[in-house]
Amino acid sequence: MTADTHGVRPRAAVVATDQDAAPAAITKVFGRLEAALAAKDAVAFDSVFTDDVVFINPAGSVFPNWDELHAYHQTALRDIPDAEAHYEILAVRLLAGGHAIVTVEQTLRTPDFSVTNRGTWVFTERDGSWWVCSVHNTNVAGSAVSQGTDAVSD
């Protein structure tokens, strides 16, 4: 028999005094990412990440700082210059100390393929700005589609 301990478990999310301001500012970060990708501007794209960001892409590659992440994005934007992305925020949990955990779904499209991934993004607020300090992405099974074909297995 298991005891119901739901009532004694702490919650990670906190109630902020400006509940609407933080999610709105975080939403703007994803808008900046979409615009930077559309402009093929790796500098603008990576401007939202902290210097000590840890970024895991959908293939499992780890980029342990801004310099390595930026080099990856420069190459990626050069290799798929016609890519477009759309981010959909699935959940925002504001944490104590000016942090947030954001669950996101990203769809990346080119004329040749489309793929969707989901990610957990950790934000930190510094001097009124929200910065991304950690990202872990994973592809959604069966979401990769080549132009003119059915879903490709991951």
C-alpha atoms as a PDB file:
ATOM      1  CA  MET A   1       0.000   0.000   0.000  1.00  0.00           C
ATOM      2  CA  THR A   2       1.364   3.427  -0.887  1.00  0.00           C
ATOM      3  CA  ALA A   3       0.666   6.540   1.074  1.00  0.00           C
ATOM      4  CA  ASP A   4      -0.623   9.635  -0.685  1.00  0.00           C
ATOM      5  CA  THR A   5       2.082  12.215  -0.006  1.00  0.00           C
ATOM      6  CA  HIS A   6       1.025  14.644  -2.717  1.00  0.00           C
ATOM      7  CA  GLY A   7       0.068  17.256  -0.155  1.00  0.00           C
ATOM      8  CA  VAL A   8       3.539  17.363   1.423  1.00  0.00           C
ATOM      9  CA  ARG A   9       5.636  17.572  -1.745  1.00  0.00           C
ATOM     10  CA  PRO A  10       7.057  20.991  -2.571  1.00  0.00           C
ATOM     11  CA  ARG A  11       6.355  22.731  -5.858  1.00  0.00           C
ATOM     12  CA  ALA A  12       9.250  23.916  -8.011  1.00  0.00           C
ATOM     13  CA  ALA A  13       7.336  26.845  -9.478  1.00  0.00           C
ATOM     14  CA  VAL A  14       6.832  29.983  -7.467  1.00  0.00           C
ATOM     15  CA  VAL A  15       4.326  32.772  -7.761  1.00  0.00           C
ATOM     16  CA  ALA A  16       6.147  35.860  -8.955  1.00  0.00           C
ATOM     17  CA  THR A  17       4.970  39.382  -8.329  1.00  0.00           C
ATOM     18  CA  ASP A  18       5.148  40.063 -12.068  1.00  0.00           C
ATOM     19  CA  GLN A  19       3.736  36.736 -13.277  1.00  0.00           C
ATOM     20  CA  ASP A  20       2.857  38.062 -16.714  1.00  0.00           C
ATOM     21  CA  ALA A  21       6.083  39.994 -17.368  1.00  0.00           C
ATOM     22  CA  ALA A  22       8.513  37.061 -17.167  1.00  0.00           C
ATOM     23  CA  PRO A  23       6.660  34.699 -19.540  1.00  0.00           C
ATOM     24  CA  ALA A  24       6.130  37.573 -21.977  1.00  0.00           C
ATOM     25  CA  ALA A  25       9.850  38.424 -21.912  1.00  0.00           C
ATOM     26  CA  ILE A  26      10.753  34.750 -22.385  1.00  0.00           C
ATOM     27  CA  THR A  27       8.338  34.503 -25.314  1.00  0.00           C
ATOM     28  CA  LYS A  28      10.163  37.453 -26.897  1.00  0.00           C
ATOM     29  CA  VAL A  29      13.448  35.523 -26.621  1.00  0.00           C
ATOM     30  CA  PHE A  30      12.004  32.775 -28.812  1.00  0.00           C
ATOM     31  CA  GLY A  31      10.747  35.400 -31.260  1.00  0.00           C
ATOM     32  CA  ARG A  32      14.299  36.760 -31.480  1.00  0.00           C
ATOM     33  CA  LEU A  33      15.568  33.241 -32.178  1.00  0.00           C
ATOM     34  CA  GLU A  34      13.061  32.754 -35.008  1.00  0.00           C
ATOM     35  CA  ALA A  35      13.963  36.120 -36.541  1.00  0.00           C
ATOM     36  CA  ALA A  36      17.710  35.486 -36.267  1.00  0.00           C
ATOM     37  CA  LEU A  37      17.366  32.093 -37.924  1.00  0.00           C
ATOM     38  CA  ALA A  38      15.294  33.613 -40.728  1.00  0.00           C
ATOM     39  CA  ALA A  39      18.038  36.227 -41.191  1.00  0.00           C
ATOM     40  CA  LYS A  40      20.746  33.507 -41.039  1.00  0.00           C
ATOM     41  CA  ASP A  41      22.446  35.565 -38.324  1.00  0.00           C
ATOM     42  CA  ALA A  42      24.324  33.275 -35.924  1.00  0.00           C
ATOM     43  CA  VAL A  43      25.508  36.219 -33.819  1.00  0.00           C
ATOM     44  CA  ALA A  44      21.930  37.409 -33.259  1.00  0.00           C
ATOM     45  CA  PHE A  45      20.755  33.825 -32.708  1.00  0.00           C
ATOM     46  CA  ASP A  46      23.375  33.178 -30.040  1.00  0.00           C
ATOM     47  CA  SER A  47      22.949  36.563 -28.355  1.00  0.00           C
ATOM     48  CA  VAL A  48      20.381  35.066 -25.941  1.00  0.00           C
ATOM     49  CA  PHE A  49      22.765  32.478 -24.435  1.00  0.00           C
ATOM     50  CA  THR A  50      24.992  32.956 -21.383  1.00  0.00           C
ATOM     51  CA  ASP A  51      28.757  32.574 -21.729  1.00  0.00           C
ATOM     52  CA  ASP A  52      28.625  29.334 -19.712  1.00  0.00           C
ATOM     53  CA  VAL A  53      25.602  27.855 -21.511  1.00  0.00           C
ATOM     54  CA  VAL A  54      25.388  24.079 -21.798  1.00  0.00           C
ATOM     55  CA  PHE A  55      23.500  23.159 -24.961  1.00  0.00           C
ATOM     56  CA  ILE A  56      22.563  19.634 -26.049  1.00  0.00           C
ATOM     57  CA  ASN A  57      21.233  19.412 -29.584  1.00  0.00           C
ATOM     58  CA  PRO A  58      18.644  16.830 -30.716  1.00  0.00           C
ATOM     59  CA  ALA A  59      21.412  14.483 -31.916  1.00  0.00           C
ATOM     60  CA  GLY A  60      22.943  14.467 -28.418  1.00  0.00           C
ATOM     61  CA  SER A  61      26.005  16.628 -29.123  1.00  0.00           C
ATOM     62  CA  VAL A  62      27.023  18.735 -26.122  1.00  0.00           C
ATOM     63  CA  PHE A  63      28.263  22.294 -26.478  1.00  0.00           C
ATOM     64  CA  PRO A  64      29.618  23.304 -23.030  1.00  0.00           C
ATOM     65  CA  ASN A  65      29.996  27.048 -23.583  1.00  0.00           C
ATOM     66  CA  TRP A  66      29.004  29.951 -25.809  1.00  0.00           C
ATOM     67  CA  ASP A  67      32.042  29.756 -28.091  1.00  0.00           C
ATOM     68  CA  GLU A  68      31.430  26.105 -28.994  1.00  0.00           C
ATOM     69  CA  LEU A  69      27.688  26.656 -29.390  1.00  0.00           C
ATOM     70  CA  HIS A  70      28.295  29.652 -31.631  1.00  0.00           C
ATOM     71  CA  ALA A  71      30.720  27.701 -33.845  1.00  0.00           C
ATOM     72  CA  TYR A  72      28.071  24.955 -34.164  1.00  0.00           C
ATOM     73  CA  HIS A  73      25.342  27.458 -35.104  1.00  0.00           C
ATOM     74  CA  GLN A  74      27.593  29.226 -37.638  1.00  0.00           C
ATOM     75  CA  THR A  75      28.160  25.896 -39.383  1.00  0.00           C
ATOM     76  CA  ALA A  76      24.499  24.868 -39.133  1.00  0.00           C
ATOM     77  CA  LEU A  77      23.262  28.137 -40.629  1.00  0.00           C
ATOM     78  CA  ARG A  78      25.776  27.839 -43.451  1.00  0.00           C
ATOM     79  CA  ASP A  79      24.881  24.182 -44.143  1.00  0.00           C
ATOM     80  CA  ILE A  80      21.089  24.698 -44.138  1.00  0.00           C
ATOM     81  CA  PRO A  81      20.683  28.305 -45.278  1.00  0.00           C
ATOM     82  CA  ASP A  82      16.995  27.959 -46.134  1.00  0.00           C
ATOM     83  CA  ALA A  83      15.903  26.704 -42.709  1.00  0.00           C
ATOM     84  CA  GLU A  84      12.980  28.232 -40.833  1.00  0.00           C
ATOM     85  CA  ALA A  85      12.030  27.494 -37.262  1.00  0.00           C
ATOM     86  CA  HIS A  86       8.961  27.937 -35.142  1.00  0.00           C
ATOM     87  CA  TYR A  87       9.013  27.647 -31.356  1.00  0.00           C
ATOM     88  CA  GLU A  88       5.909  26.822 -29.356  1.00  0.00           C
ATOM     89  CA  ILE A  89       6.163  27.281 -25.615  1.00  0.00           C
ATOM     90  CA  LEU A  90       4.454  24.362 -23.895  1.00  0.00           C
ATOM     91  CA  ALA A  91       5.092  25.411 -20.275  1.00  0.00           C
ATOM     92  CA  VAL A  92       6.872  28.115 -18.288  1.00  0.00           C
ATOM     93  CA  ARG A  93       7.710  27.475 -14.652  1.00  0.00           C
ATOM     94  CA  LEU A  94       9.128  30.449 -12.792  1.00  0.00           C
ATOM     95  CA  LEU A  95      11.542  29.425 -10.047  1.00  0.00           C
ATOM     96  CA  ALA A  96      12.896  31.304  -7.073  1.00  0.00           C
ATOM     97  CA  GLY A  97      15.965  33.431  -7.616  1.00  0.00           C
ATOM     98  CA  GLY A  98      15.067  34.688 -11.085  1.00  0.00           C
ATOM     99  CA  HIS A  99      15.117  31.391 -12.946  1.00  0.00           C
ATOM    100  CA  ALA A 100      12.648  29.661 -15.231  1.00  0.00           C
ATOM    101  CA  ILE A 101      12.293  26.225 -16.765  1.00  0.00           C
ATOM    102  CA  VAL A 102      10.648  26.394 -20.172  1.00  0.00           C
ATOM    103  CA  THR A 103       9.390  23.412 -22.141  1.00  0.00           C
ATOM    104  CA  VAL A 104       9.434  24.145 -25.863  1.00  0.00           C
ATOM    105  CA  GLU A 105       8.528  22.433 -29.100  1.00  0.00           C
ATOM    106  CA  GLN A 106      10.546  23.534 -32.126  1.00  0.00           C
ATOM    107  CA  THR A 107       9.771  22.683 -35.726  1.00  0.00           C
ATOM    108  CA  LEU A 108      12.589  23.185 -38.198  1.00  0.00           C
ATOM    109  CA  ARG A 109      11.655  23.277 -41.887  1.00  0.00           C
ATOM    110  CA  THR A 110      13.585  23.469 -45.133  1.00  0.00           C
ATOM    111  CA  PRO A 111      12.356  22.790 -48.673  1.00  0.00           C
ATOM    112  CA  ASP A 112      13.826  19.275 -48.282  1.00  0.00           C
ATOM    113  CA  PHE A 113      12.717  18.198 -44.800  1.00  0.00           C
ATOM    114  CA  SER A 114      10.907  19.005 -41.590  1.00  0.00           C
ATOM    115  CA  VAL A 115      11.730  17.813 -38.073  1.00  0.00           C
ATOM    116  CA  THR A 116      10.287  18.585 -34.661  1.00  0.00           C
ATOM    117  CA  ASN A 117      12.091  18.465 -31.352  1.00  0.00           C
ATOM    118  CA  ARG A 118      11.142  19.201 -27.781  1.00  0.00           C
ATOM    119  CA  GLY A 119      13.438  20.857 -25.338  1.00  0.00           C
ATOM    120  CA  THR A 120      13.888  21.905 -21.771  1.00  0.00           C
ATOM    121  CA  TRP A 121      15.381  25.379 -21.594  1.00  0.00           C
ATOM    122  CA  VAL A 122      16.658  26.933 -18.370  1.00  0.00           C
ATOM    123  CA  PHE A 123      16.574  30.720 -18.194  1.00  0.00           C
ATOM    124  CA  THR A 124      18.179  33.071 -15.716  1.00  0.00           C
ATOM    125  CA  GLU A 125      17.250  36.715 -15.249  1.00  0.00           C
ATOM    126  CA  ARG A 126      20.074  39.230 -15.015  1.00  0.00           C
ATOM    127  CA  ASP A 127      19.605  42.989 -14.858  1.00  0.00           C
ATOM    128  CA  GLY A 128      16.114  42.821 -16.339  1.00  0.00           C
ATOM    129  CA  SER A 129      16.987  40.472 -19.220  1.00  0.00           C
ATOM    130  CA  TRP A 130      16.280  36.756 -19.547  1.00  0.00           C
ATOM    131  CA  TRP A 131      19.221  34.620 -20.675  1.00  0.00           C
ATOM    132  CA  VAL A 132      19.334  30.959 -21.691  1.00  0.00           C
ATOM    133  CA  CYS A 133      21.855  29.044 -19.578  1.00  0.00           C
ATOM    134  CA  SER A 134      20.985  25.431 -20.406  1.00  0.00           C
ATOM    135  CA  VAL A 135      19.144  23.597 -23.195  1.00  0.00           C
ATOM    136  CA  HIS A 136      18.448  19.915 -23.726  1.00  0.00           C
ATOM    137  CA  ASN A 137      16.674  19.002 -26.962  1.00  0.00           C
ATOM    138  CA  THR A 138      15.414  15.678 -28.247  1.00  0.00           C
ATOM    139  CA  ASN A 139      13.785  14.816 -31.548  1.00  0.00           C
ATOM    140  CA  VAL A 140      10.138  13.812 -31.534  1.00  0.00           C
ATOM    141  CA  ALA A 141       9.984  10.219 -32.783  1.00  0.00           C
ATOM    142  CA  GLY A 142       8.537   9.996 -36.273  1.00  0.00           C
ATOM    143  CA  SER A 143       8.572  13.766 -36.836  1.00  0.00           C
ATOM    144  CA  ALA A 144      11.308  13.825 -39.489  1.00  0.00           C
ATOM    145  CA  VAL A 145       9.683  14.130 -42.897  1.00  0.00           C
ATOM    146  CA  SER A 146      11.499  14.426 -46.234  1.00  0.00           C
ATOM    147  CA  GLN A 147       9.812  16.366 -49.008  1.00  0.00           C
ATOM    148  CA  GLY A 148       7.519  14.060 -50.932  1.00  0.00           C
ATOM    149  CA  THR A 149       7.879  11.116 -48.534  1.00  0.00           C
ATOM    150  CA  ASP A 150       6.278   9.807 -45.402  1.00  0.00           C
ATOM    151  CA  ALA A 151       7.854  10.124 -41.980  1.00  0.00           C
ATOM    152  CA  VAL A 152      11.415   8.906 -41.782  1.00  0.00           C
ATOM    153  CA  SER A 153      12.384   6.818 -38.785  1.00  0.00           C
ATOM    154  CA  ASP A 154      14.762   8.483 -36.355  1.00  0.00           C
END
